[in-house]
Each structure stands twice: as C-alpha cells, then as structure tokens.
PDB file of N, CA and C in Angstrom:
ATOM      1  N   MET A   1       4.876-136.908-110.013  1.00  0.00           N
ATOM      2  CA  MET A   1       5.847-136.569-110.682  1.00  0.00           C
ATOM      3  C   MET A   1       6.670-135.319-109.990  1.00  0.00           C
ATOM      4  N   LYS A   2       5.526-134.244-110.131  1.00  0.00           N
ATOM      5  CA  LYS A   2       5.989-133.016-109.496  1.00  0.00           C
ATOM      6  C   LYS A   2       6.722-133.320-107.765  1.00  0.00           C
ATOM      7  N   LYS A   3       5.969-134.012-107.207  1.00  0.00           N
ATOM      8  CA  LYS A   3       7.067-134.201-105.644  1.00  0.00           C
ATOM      9  C   LYS A   3       8.096-134.963-105.640  1.00  0.00           C
ATOM     10  N   SER A   4       8.012-135.868-106.847  1.00  0.00           N
ATOM     11  CA  SER A   4       9.604-136.748-106.691  1.00  0.00           C
ATOM     12  C   SER A   4      10.300-135.707-107.132  1.00  0.00           C
ATOM     13  N   LEU A   5      10.336-134.946-108.348  1.00  0.00           N
ATOM     14  CA  LEU A   5      11.349-134.104-108.774  1.00  0.00           C
ATOM     15  C   LEU A   5      11.657-133.013-107.394  1.00  0.00           C
ATOM     16  N   LEU A   6      10.566-132.629-106.678  1.00  0.00           N
ATOM     17  CA  LEU A   6      11.360-131.646-105.731  1.00  0.00           C
ATOM     18  C   LEU A   6      12.067-132.508-104.666  1.00  0.00           C
ATOM     19  N   ILE A   7      11.697-133.426-104.423  1.00  0.00           N
ATOM     20  CA  ILE A   7      12.688-134.510-103.614  1.00  0.00           C
ATOM     21  C   ILE A   7      14.119-134.584-103.691  1.00  0.00           C
ATOM     22  N   ALA A   8      13.877-135.031-104.861  1.00  0.00           N
ATOM     23  CA  ALA A   8      15.364-135.017-105.675  1.00  0.00           C
ATOM     24  C   ALA A   8      16.186-133.940-105.790  1.00  0.00           C
ATOM     25  N   LEU A   9      15.459-132.740-106.009  1.00  0.00           N
ATOM     26  CA  LEU A   9      16.338-131.502-106.083  1.00  0.00           C
ATOM     27  C   LEU A   9      16.858-131.191-104.623  1.00  0.00           C
ATOM     28  N   ALA A  10      15.695-131.264-103.902  1.00  0.00           N
ATOM     29  CA  ALA A  10      16.249-131.005-102.320  1.00  0.00           C
ATOM     30  C   ALA A  10      17.382-132.176-101.701  1.00  0.00           C
ATOM     31  N   ALA A  11      17.360-133.574-102.575  1.00  0.00           N
ATOM     32  CA  ALA A  11      18.029-134.227-102.109  1.00  0.00           C
ATOM     33  C   ALA A  11      19.706-133.795-102.794  1.00  0.00           C
ATOM     34  N   LEU A  12      19.648-133.482-103.787  1.00  0.00           N
ATOM     35  CA  LEU A  12      20.546-132.815-104.676  1.00  0.00           C
ATOM     36  C   LEU A  12      21.691-131.957-103.829  1.00  0.00           C
ATOM     37  N   SER A  13      20.949-130.638-103.667  1.00  0.00           N
ATOM     38  CA  SER A  13      21.105-129.446-102.737  1.00  0.00           C
ATOM     39  C   SER A  13      21.598-129.743-101.573  1.00  0.00           C
ATOM     40  N   PHE A  14      21.275-130.999-100.555  1.00  0.00           N
ATOM     41  CA  PHE A  14      21.938-131.511 -99.579  1.00  0.00           C
ATOM     42  C   PHE A  14      23.251-132.157 -99.641  1.00  0.00           C
ATOM     43  N   ALA A  15      23.332-132.758-100.877  1.00  0.00           N
ATOM     44  CA  ALA A  15      24.693-133.318-100.707  1.00  0.00           C
ATOM     45  C   ALA A  15      25.593-132.823-101.458  1.00  0.00           C
ATOM     46  N   LEU A  16      25.035-131.766-102.360  1.00  0.00           N
ATOM     47  CA  LEU A  16      26.285-130.591-102.848  1.00  0.00           C
ATOM     48  C   LEU A  16      26.725-129.404-101.552  1.00  0.00           C
ATOM     49  N   SER A  17      25.702-129.242-100.265  1.00  0.00           N
ATOM     50  CA  SER A  17      26.387-128.637 -99.363  1.00  0.00           C
ATOM     51  C   SER A  17      27.195-129.377 -98.447  1.00  0.00           C
ATOM     52  N   ALA A  18      27.226-130.359 -98.529  1.00  0.00           N
ATOM     53  CA  ALA A  18      27.756-131.295 -97.736  1.00  0.00           C
ATOM     54  C   ALA A  18      29.302-131.583 -97.950  1.00  0.00           C
ATOM     55  N   HIS A  19      29.444-131.142 -99.544  1.00  0.00           N
ATOM     56  CA  HIS A  19      30.677-131.192 -99.990  1.00  0.00           C
ATOM     57  C   HIS A  19      31.559-129.900 -99.947  1.00  0.00           C
ATOM     58  N   ALA A  20      30.753-128.972 -99.825  1.00  0.00           N
ATOM     59  CA  ALA A  20      31.266-127.710 -99.981  1.00  0.00           C
ATOM     60  C   ALA A  20      32.846-127.389 -99.693  1.00  0.00           C
ATOM     61  N   ALA A  21      33.485-126.297 -99.910  1.00  0.00           N
ATOM     62  CA  ALA A  21      34.736-126.496 -99.399  1.00  0.00           C
ATOM     63  C   ALA A  21      35.074-125.564 -98.624  1.00  0.00           C
ATOM     64  N   VAL A  22      35.860-125.786 -97.684  1.00  0.00           N
ATOM     65  CA  VAL A  22      36.102-124.885 -96.780  1.00  0.00           C
ATOM     66  C   VAL A  22      37.554-123.963 -97.037  1.00  0.00           C
ATOM     67  N   ASN A  23      36.996-122.851 -96.804  1.00  0.00           N
ATOM     68  CA  ASN A  23      38.188-121.700 -96.919  1.00  0.00           C
ATOM     69  C   ASN A  23      39.058-121.660 -96.087  1.00  0.00           C
ATOM     70  N   ILE A  24      40.525-122.096 -96.560  1.00  0.00           N
ATOM     71  CA  ILE A  24      41.102-122.074 -95.937  1.00  0.00           C
ATOM     72  C   ILE A  24      42.053-120.831 -95.282  1.00  0.00           C
ATOM     73  N   ASN A  25      41.311-119.590 -96.184  1.00  0.00           N
ATOM     74  CA  ASN A  25      41.979-118.168 -95.476  1.00  0.00           C
ATOM     75  C   ASN A  25      41.023-117.682 -94.399  1.00  0.00           C
ATOM     76  N   THR A  26      39.689-118.482 -94.138  1.00  0.00           N
ATOM     77  CA  THR A  26      38.724-117.748 -92.901  1.00  0.00           C
ATOM     78  C   THR A  26      38.235-118.912 -92.435  1.00  0.00           C
ATOM     79  N   ALA A  27      38.534-120.033 -92.499  1.00  0.00           N
ATOM     80  CA  ALA A  27      38.070-121.197 -91.555  1.00  0.00           C
ATOM     81  C   ALA A  27      38.701-120.988 -90.015  1.00  0.00           C
ATOM     82  N   SER A  28      37.446-121.026 -89.236  1.00  0.00           N
ATOM     83  CA  SER A  28      37.824-121.508 -88.137  1.00  0.00           C
ATOM     84  C   SER A  28      38.862-122.713 -87.379  1.00  0.00           C
ATOM     85  N   LYS A  29      39.429-122.849 -86.387  1.00  0.00           N
ATOM     86  CA  LYS A  29      40.014-123.775 -86.296  1.00  0.00           C
ATOM     87  C   LYS A  29      39.094-125.511 -86.117  1.00  0.00           C
ATOM     88  N   ASP A  30      37.834-125.004 -85.640  1.00  0.00           N
ATOM     89  CA  ASP A  30      36.593-126.463 -85.453  1.00  0.00           C
ATOM     90  C   ASP A  30      36.266-126.660 -87.169  1.00  0.00           C
ATOM     91  N   GLU A  31      36.392-125.394 -87.838  1.00  0.00           N
ATOM     92  CA  GLU A  31      36.280-126.090 -89.357  1.00  0.00           C
ATOM     93  C   GLU A  31      37.151-126.786 -90.015  1.00  0.00           C
ATOM     94  N   LEU A  32      38.419-125.995 -89.631  1.00  0.00           N
ATOM     95  CA  LEU A  32      39.468-126.771 -90.477  1.00  0.00           C
ATOM     96  C   LEU A  32      40.172-128.135 -89.924  1.00  0.00           C
ATOM     97  N   GLU A  33      39.468-128.367 -88.452  1.00  0.00           N
ATOM     98  CA  GLU A  33      39.680-129.888 -88.042  1.00  0.00           C
ATOM     99  C   GLU A  33      38.619-130.616 -88.722  1.00  0.00           C
ATOM    100  N   SER A  34      37.358-130.224 -88.884  1.00  0.00           N
ATOM    101  CA  SER A  34      36.563-131.373 -89.498  1.00  0.00           C
ATOM    102  C   SER A  34      36.809-131.983 -91.080  1.00  0.00           C
ATOM    103  N   LEU A  35      37.740-131.196 -91.409  1.00  0.00           N
ATOM    104  CA  LEU A  35      38.567-131.767 -92.882  1.00  0.00           C
ATOM    105  C   LEU A  35      39.180-132.846 -92.591  1.00  0.00           C
ATOM    106  N   ASN A  36      38.899-133.791 -93.252  1.00  0.00           N
ATOM    107  CA  ASN A  36      40.003-135.355 -93.395  1.00  0.00           C
ATOM    108  C   ASN A  36      41.155-134.985 -93.432  1.00  0.00           C
ATOM    109  N   GLY A  37      41.774-135.644 -91.977  1.00  0.00           N
ATOM    110  CA  GLY A  37      43.351-135.857 -92.052  1.00  0.00           C
ATOM    111  C   GLY A  37      43.797-134.367 -91.227  1.00  0.00           C
ATOM    112  N   VAL A  38      42.806-133.818 -90.836  1.00  0.00           N
ATOM    113  CA  VAL A  38      43.264-132.332 -90.439  1.00  0.00           C
ATOM    114  C   VAL A  38      42.895-132.408 -88.790  1.00  0.00           C
ATOM    115  N   GLY A  39      44.074-132.289 -88.076  1.00  0.00           N
ATOM    116  CA  GLY A  39      43.591-132.247 -86.557  1.00  0.00           C
ATOM    117  C   GLY A  39      44.089-131.087 -85.958  1.00  0.00           C
ATOM    118  N   PRO A  40      43.976-131.241 -84.562  1.00  0.00           N
ATOM    119  CA  PRO A  40      44.246-129.643 -83.985  1.00  0.00           C
ATOM    120  C   PRO A  40      45.613-129.209 -84.446  1.00  0.00           C
ATOM    121  N   ALA A  41      46.427-129.813 -84.468  1.00  0.00           N
ATOM    122  CA  ALA A  41      47.760-129.166 -84.300  1.00  0.00           C
ATOM    123  C   ALA A  41      48.098-129.048 -86.210  1.00  0.00           C
ATOM    124  N   LYS A  42      47.298-129.471 -86.917  1.00  0.00           N
ATOM    125  CA  LYS A  42      47.756-128.982 -88.566  1.00  0.00           C
ATOM    126  C   LYS A  42      46.774-127.765 -88.619  1.00  0.00           C
ATOM    127  N   ALA A  43      45.292-127.958 -88.025  1.00  0.00           N
ATOM    128  CA  ALA A  43      44.293-126.916 -88.185  1.00  0.00           C
ATOM    129  C   ALA A  43      45.333-125.324 -87.371  1.00  0.00           C
ATOM    130  N   GLN A  44      45.925-125.716 -86.195  1.00  0.00           N
ATOM    131  CA  GLN A  44      46.619-124.541 -85.621  1.00  0.00           C
ATOM    132  C   GLN A  44      47.724-124.199 -86.644  1.00  0.00           C
ATOM    133  N   ALA A  45      48.338-124.955 -87.307  1.00  0.00           N
ATOM    134  CA  ALA A  45      49.826-124.678 -88.147  1.00  0.00           C
ATOM    135  C   ALA A  45      49.208-123.783 -89.114  1.00  0.00           C
ATOM    136  N   ILE A  46      47.760-123.954 -89.671  1.00  0.00           N
ATOM    137  CA  ILE A  46      47.001-123.436 -90.862  1.00  0.00           C
ATOM    138  C   ILE A  46      47.122-121.865 -90.411  1.00  0.00           C
ATOM    139  N   ILE A  47      46.305-122.067 -89.535  1.00  0.00           N
ATOM    140  CA  ILE A  47      46.055-120.683 -88.733  1.00  0.00           C
ATOM    141  C   ILE A  47      47.219-119.407 -88.424  1.00  0.00           C
ATOM    142  N   ASP A  48      48.145-120.096 -87.767  1.00  0.00           N
ATOM    143  CA  ASP A  48      49.440-119.802 -87.638  1.00  0.00           C
ATOM    144  C   ASP A  48      50.266-119.244 -88.777  1.00  0.00           C
ATOM    145  N   TYR A  49      50.100-120.139 -89.927  1.00  0.00           N
ATOM    146  CA  TYR A  49      50.966-119.471 -91.264  1.00  0.00           C
ATOM    147  C   TYR A  49      50.059-118.491 -91.916  1.00  0.00           C
ATOM    148  N   ARG A  50      48.948-118.459 -91.870  1.00  0.00           N
ATOM    149  CA  ARG A  50      47.892-117.324 -92.333  1.00  0.00           C
ATOM    150  C   ARG A  50      48.316-116.066 -91.625  1.00  0.00           C
ATOM    151  N   LYS A  51      48.332-115.860 -90.357  1.00  0.00           N
ATOM    152  CA  LYS A  51      48.426-114.981 -89.547  1.00  0.00           C
ATOM    153  C   LYS A  51      49.966-114.341 -89.791  1.00  0.00           C
ATOM    154  N   LYS A  52      50.708-115.333 -90.034  1.00  0.00           N
ATOM    155  CA  LYS A  52      52.067-114.592 -90.323  1.00  0.00           C
ATOM    156  C   LYS A  52      52.345-114.507 -91.656  1.00  0.00           C
ATOM    157  N   ASN A  53      52.043-114.940 -92.716  1.00  0.00           N
ATOM    158  CA  ASN A  53      51.813-114.758 -94.056  1.00  0.00           C
ATOM    159  C   ASN A  53      50.756-113.765 -95.069  1.00  0.00           C
ATOM    160  N   GLY A  54      49.903-113.573 -94.174  1.00  0.00           N
ATOM    161  CA  GLY A  54      48.549-112.890 -94.725  1.00  0.00           C
ATOM    162  C   GLY A  54      47.616-113.537 -96.043  1.00  0.00           C
ATOM    163  N   GLY A  55      47.423-114.918 -95.653  1.00  0.00           N
ATOM    164  CA  GLY A  55      46.623-115.947 -96.252  1.00  0.00           C
ATOM    165  C   GLY A  55      47.432-116.658 -97.447  1.00  0.00           C
ATOM    166  N   PHE A  56      47.034-117.450 -98.007  1.00  0.00           N
ATOM    167  CA  PHE A  56      47.178-118.533 -99.110  1.00  0.00           C
ATOM    168  C   PHE A  56      46.458-118.027-100.342  1.00  0.00           C
ATOM    169  N   LYS A  57      47.497-117.658-100.971  1.00  0.00           N
ATOM    170  CA  LYS A  57      47.072-117.254-102.503  1.00  0.00           C
ATOM    171  C   LYS A  57      46.321-118.138-103.158  1.00  0.00           C
ATOM    172  N   THR A  58      47.067-119.575-103.181  1.00  0.00           N
ATOM    173  CA  THR A  58      46.105-121.002-104.103  1.00  0.00           C
ATOM    174  C   THR A  58      46.097-122.120-103.022  1.00  0.00           C
ATOM    175  N   VAL A  59      45.799-122.966-103.480  1.00  0.00           N
ATOM    176  CA  VAL A  59      45.635-124.013-102.184  1.00  0.00           C
ATOM    177  C   VAL A  59      46.797-124.587-102.223  1.00  0.00           C
ATOM    178  N   ASP A  60      47.477-124.772-103.008  1.00  0.00           N
ATOM    179  CA  ASP A  60      49.077-125.419-103.341  1.00  0.00           C
ATOM    180  C   ASP A  60      49.711-124.781-102.246  1.00  0.00           C
ATOM    181  N   ASP A  61      49.809-123.344-101.520  1.00  0.00           N
ATOM    182  CA  ASP A  61      50.822-122.889-100.703  1.00  0.00           C
ATOM    183  C   ASP A  61      50.446-123.613 -99.544  1.00  0.00           C
ATOM    184  N   LEU A  62      49.400-124.483 -99.433  1.00  0.00           N
ATOM    185  CA  LEU A  62      49.256-125.276 -97.970  1.00  0.00           C
ATOM    186  C   LEU A  62      50.522-126.112 -97.993  1.00  0.00           C
ATOM    187  N   ASN A  63      50.897-126.601 -99.064  1.00  0.00           N
ATOM    188  CA  ASN A  63      52.685-126.993 -99.077  1.00  0.00           C
ATOM    189  C   ASN A  63      53.637-126.249 -98.428  1.00  0.00           C
ATOM    190  N   ASN A  64      53.544-125.108 -98.111  1.00  0.00           N
ATOM    191  CA  ASN A  64      54.183-124.080 -97.192  1.00  0.00           C
ATOM    192  C   ASN A  64      54.049-124.110 -95.404  1.00  0.00           C
ATOM    193  N   VAL A  65      53.132-125.170 -95.267  1.00  0.00           N
ATOM    194  CA  VAL A  65      52.617-125.098 -93.895  1.00  0.00           C
ATOM    195  C   VAL A  65      53.427-126.494 -93.364  1.00  0.00           C
ATOM    196  N   PRO A  66      54.027-126.156 -92.278  1.00  0.00           N
ATOM    197  CA  PRO A  66      54.659-127.588 -91.290  1.00  0.00           C
ATOM    198  C   PRO A  66      53.576-128.697 -91.437  1.00  0.00           C
ATOM    199  N   GLY A  67      53.977-129.734 -91.782  1.00  0.00           N
ATOM    200  CA  GLY A  67      53.239-130.551 -91.658  1.00  0.00           C
ATOM    201  C   GLY A  67      52.334-131.184 -92.784  1.00  0.00           C
ATOM    202  N   PHE A  68      52.354-130.097 -93.798  1.00  0.00           N
ATOM    203  CA  PHE A  68      51.689-130.607 -95.294  1.00  0.00           C
ATOM    204  C   PHE A  68      52.736-131.080 -96.202  1.00  0.00           C
ATOM    205  N   GLY A  69      51.820-131.928 -97.044  1.00  0.00           N
ATOM    206  CA  GLY A  69      52.990-132.298 -98.363  1.00  0.00           C
ATOM    207  C   GLY A  69      52.147-132.628 -99.429  1.00  0.00           C
ATOM    208  N   ASP A  70      52.810-132.916-100.301  1.00  0.00           N
ATOM    209  CA  ASP A  70      52.256-133.091-101.583  1.00  0.00           C
ATOM    210  C   ASP A  70      50.743-134.228-101.211  1.00  0.00           C
ATOM    211  N   LYS A  71      50.987-135.280-100.633  1.00  0.00           N
ATOM    212  CA  LYS A  71      49.906-136.421-100.507  1.00  0.00           C
ATOM    213  C   LYS A  71      49.141-135.595 -99.294  1.00  0.00           C
ATOM    214  N   SER A  72      49.074-134.846 -98.499  1.00  0.00           N
ATOM    215  CA  SER A  72      48.288-134.077 -97.609  1.00  0.00           C
ATOM    216  C   SER A  72      47.384-133.403 -98.746  1.00  0.00           C
ATOM    217  N   LEU A  73      47.956-132.356 -99.564  1.00  0.00           N
ATOM    218  CA  LEU A  73      47.406-131.580-100.450  1.00  0.00           C
ATOM    219  C   LEU A  73      46.557-132.376-101.287  1.00  0.00           C
ATOM    220  N   VAL A  74      46.828-133.308-101.770  1.00  0.00           N
ATOM    221  CA  VAL A  74      46.158-134.340-102.706  1.00  0.00           C
ATOM    222  C   VAL A  74      44.838-134.435-101.793  1.00  0.00           C
ATOM    223  N   LYS A  75      44.786-134.978-100.550  1.00  0.00           N
ATOM    224  CA  LYS A  75      43.921-135.400-100.114  1.00  0.00           C
ATOM    225  C   LYS A  75      42.617-134.538 -99.827  1.00  0.00           C
ATOM    226  N   LEU A  76      43.375-133.191 -99.726  1.00  0.00           N
ATOM    227  CA  LEU A  76      42.635-132.462 -99.459  1.00  0.00           C
ATOM    228  C   LEU A  76      41.938-131.186-100.523  1.00  0.00           C
ATOM    229  N   LYS A  77      42.524-131.434-101.527  1.00  0.00           N
ATOM    230  CA  LYS A  77      42.196-130.562-102.642  1.00  0.00           C
ATOM    231  C   LYS A  77      40.639-130.183-102.838  1.00  0.00           C
ATOM    232  N   GLY A  78      40.012-130.923-103.000  1.00  0.00           N
ATOM    233  CA  GLY A  78      38.639-130.958-102.892  1.00  0.00           C
ATOM    234  C   GLY A  78      37.582-130.510-102.172  1.00  0.00           C
ATOM    235  N   GLN A  79      38.227-130.839-100.734  1.00  0.00           N
ATOM    236  CA  GLN A  79      37.657-130.227 -99.806  1.00  0.00           C
ATOM    237  C   GLN A  79      38.101-128.522 -99.251  1.00  0.00           C
ATOM    238  N   ILE A  80      39.002-127.841 -99.831  1.00  0.00           N
ATOM    239  CA  ILE A  80      39.499-126.784 -99.712  1.00  0.00           C
ATOM    240  C   ILE A  80      39.214-125.485-100.540  1.00  0.00           C
ATOM    241  N   SER A  81      39.412-124.310-100.331  1.00  0.00           N
ATOM    242  CA  SER A  81      39.281-123.326-101.260  1.00  0.00           C
ATOM    243  C   SER A  81      40.219-122.141-100.508  1.00  0.00           C
ATOM    244  N   VAL A  82      40.284-121.116-101.223  1.00  0.00           N
ATOM    245  CA  VAL A  82      41.222-119.821-100.621  1.00  0.00           C
ATOM    246  C   VAL A  82      40.058-118.711-101.003  1.00  0.00           C
ATOM    247  N   SER A  83      39.245-118.692-101.341  1.00  0.00           N
ATOM    248  CA  SER A  83      38.301-117.761-102.062  1.00  0.00           C
ATOM    249  C   SER A  83      36.437-118.476-101.336  1.00  0.00           C
ATOM    250  N   GLY A  84      36.075-117.483-101.300  1.00  0.00           N
ATOM    251  CA  GLY A  84      34.614-117.601-101.022  1.00  0.00           C
ATOM    252  C   GLY A  84      34.257-118.098 -99.459  1.00  0.00           C
ATOM    253  N   LYS A  85      32.844-117.953 -99.447  1.00  0.00           N
ATOM    254  CA  LYS A  85      32.421-118.041 -97.754  1.00  0.00           C
ATOM    255  C   LYS A  85      32.967-119.793 -97.712  1.00  0.00           C
ATOM    256  N   SER A  86      33.300-120.004 -96.249  1.00  0.00           N
ATOM    257  CA  SER A  86      34.125-121.373 -96.002  1.00  0.00           C
ATOM    258  C   SER A  86      32.548-121.851 -95.767  1.00  0.00           C
ATOM    259  N   ALA A  87      32.314-123.143 -96.099  1.00  0.00           N
ATOM    260  CA  ALA A  87      31.225-123.756 -95.529  1.00  0.00           C
ATOM    261  C   ALA A  87      31.995-125.040 -95.054  1.00  0.00           C
ATOM    262  N   GLU A  88      31.786-125.345 -93.902  1.00  0.00           N
ATOM    263  CA  GLU A  88      32.065-126.430 -92.972  1.00  0.00           C
ATOM    264  C   GLU A  88      31.825-127.966 -93.882  1.00  0.00           C
ATOM    265  N   ALA A  89      32.516-128.622 -93.458  1.00  0.00           N
ATOM    266  CA  ALA A  89      32.849-129.819 -94.311  1.00  0.00           C
ATOM    267  C   ALA A  89      31.913-130.808 -93.107  1.00  0.00           C
ATOM    268  N   ALA A  90      31.722-132.333 -94.053  1.00  0.00           N
ATOM    269  CA  ALA A  90      30.749-132.898 -93.265  1.00  0.00           C
ATOM    270  C   ALA A  90      31.854-133.098 -91.677  1.00  0.00           C
ATOM    271  N   PRO A  91      30.969-133.028 -90.524  1.00  0.00           N
ATOM    272  CA  PRO A  91      31.762-133.334 -89.185  1.00  0.00           C
ATOM    273  C   PRO A  91      32.597-134.801 -89.144  1.00  0.00           C
ATOM    274  N   ALA A  92      33.705-134.973 -88.917  1.00  0.00           N
ATOM    275  CA  ALA A  92      34.624-136.109 -88.768  1.00  0.00           C
ATOM    276  C   ALA A  92      34.266-136.719 -87.228  1.00  0.00           C
ATOM    277  N   ALA A  93      34.211-137.964 -87.575  1.00  0.00           N
ATOM    278  CA  ALA A  93      33.627-138.869 -86.660  1.00  0.00           C
ATOM    279  C   ALA A  93      34.732-138.724 -85.363  1.00  0.00           C
ATOM    280  N   LYS A  94      33.739-138.654 -84.300  1.00  0.00           N
ATOM    281  CA  LYS A  94      34.773-138.654 -83.181  1.00  0.00           C
ATOM    282  C   LYS A  94      34.052-139.669 -82.052  1.00  0.00           C
ATOM    283  N   THR A  95      35.282-140.403 -81.435  1.00  0.00           N
ATOM    284  CA  THR A  95      34.524-141.379 -80.664  1.00  0.00           C
ATOM    285  C   THR A  95      34.926-141.198 -79.211  1.00  0.00           C
ATOM    286  N   ASP A  96      33.823-141.207 -78.222  1.00  0.00           N
ATOM    287  CA  ASP A  96      33.860-141.038 -76.697  1.00  0.00           C
ATOM    288  C   ASP A  96      34.693-141.994 -76.417  1.00  0.00           C
ATOM    289  N   LYS A  97      35.634-141.774 -75.283  1.00  0.00           N
ATOM    290  CA  LYS A  97      36.476-142.583 -74.476  1.00  0.00           C
ATOM    291  C   LYS A  97      35.864-142.768 -72.861  1.00  0.00           C
ATOM    292  N   LYS A  98      35.119-143.703 -72.713  1.00  0.00           N
ATOM    293  CA  LYS A  98      34.353-143.985 -71.197  1.00  0.00           C
ATOM    294  C   LYS A  98      35.218-144.753 -70.697  1.00  0.00           C
TER     295      LYS A  98
END
C-alpha cells in the first residue's frame, strides 16, 4: 500500500510539472516555441515585444503582440504566465525531413 501511494504521488508530480506554465516575461525562444501554436516567428515577436515594452503585466497583453489575437490567447492561457519561474512546456513534436 505504501509503495503504491509513493508511485501515485510520483506520477502526479510528474504530470503537474509537465503542464507547468511558461513565463512569457522570462522564457527563452526555445521555451516559447515549446508552446502549442507558437513557432519561431511568434516566439521572436514575444521577445521583441517584451524588449520594447518592458514585459507583460497580464497574459491578456499577449493580444498586443503582432500575430496574436483572442483565439491564440484562448489556446495558450493554460500554458503561460507572467510571473514565477518559467517551466518549459512539454516539447512540441518535431519531424525530421530526410
């Protein structure tokens, strides 16, 4: 019983860390690209915005970044934050072109 409880807690801990929010004020380009729907151009737009404007006060400020709108924000809200340590989201699937 004790062993199964420890396994369950470990699994829960892993699951929660896999869904941790990426801080859009501190995330690297790679961390931003790990978000669903954010490619190199959008990641760079986020970085450019925060360099120019001093960062995001709320996640809704992402609407001020070129290429982002309400639909993008709805998709990202559970994956992003504007405070705390940035934890990389689960890596996006990459395909090798051979």
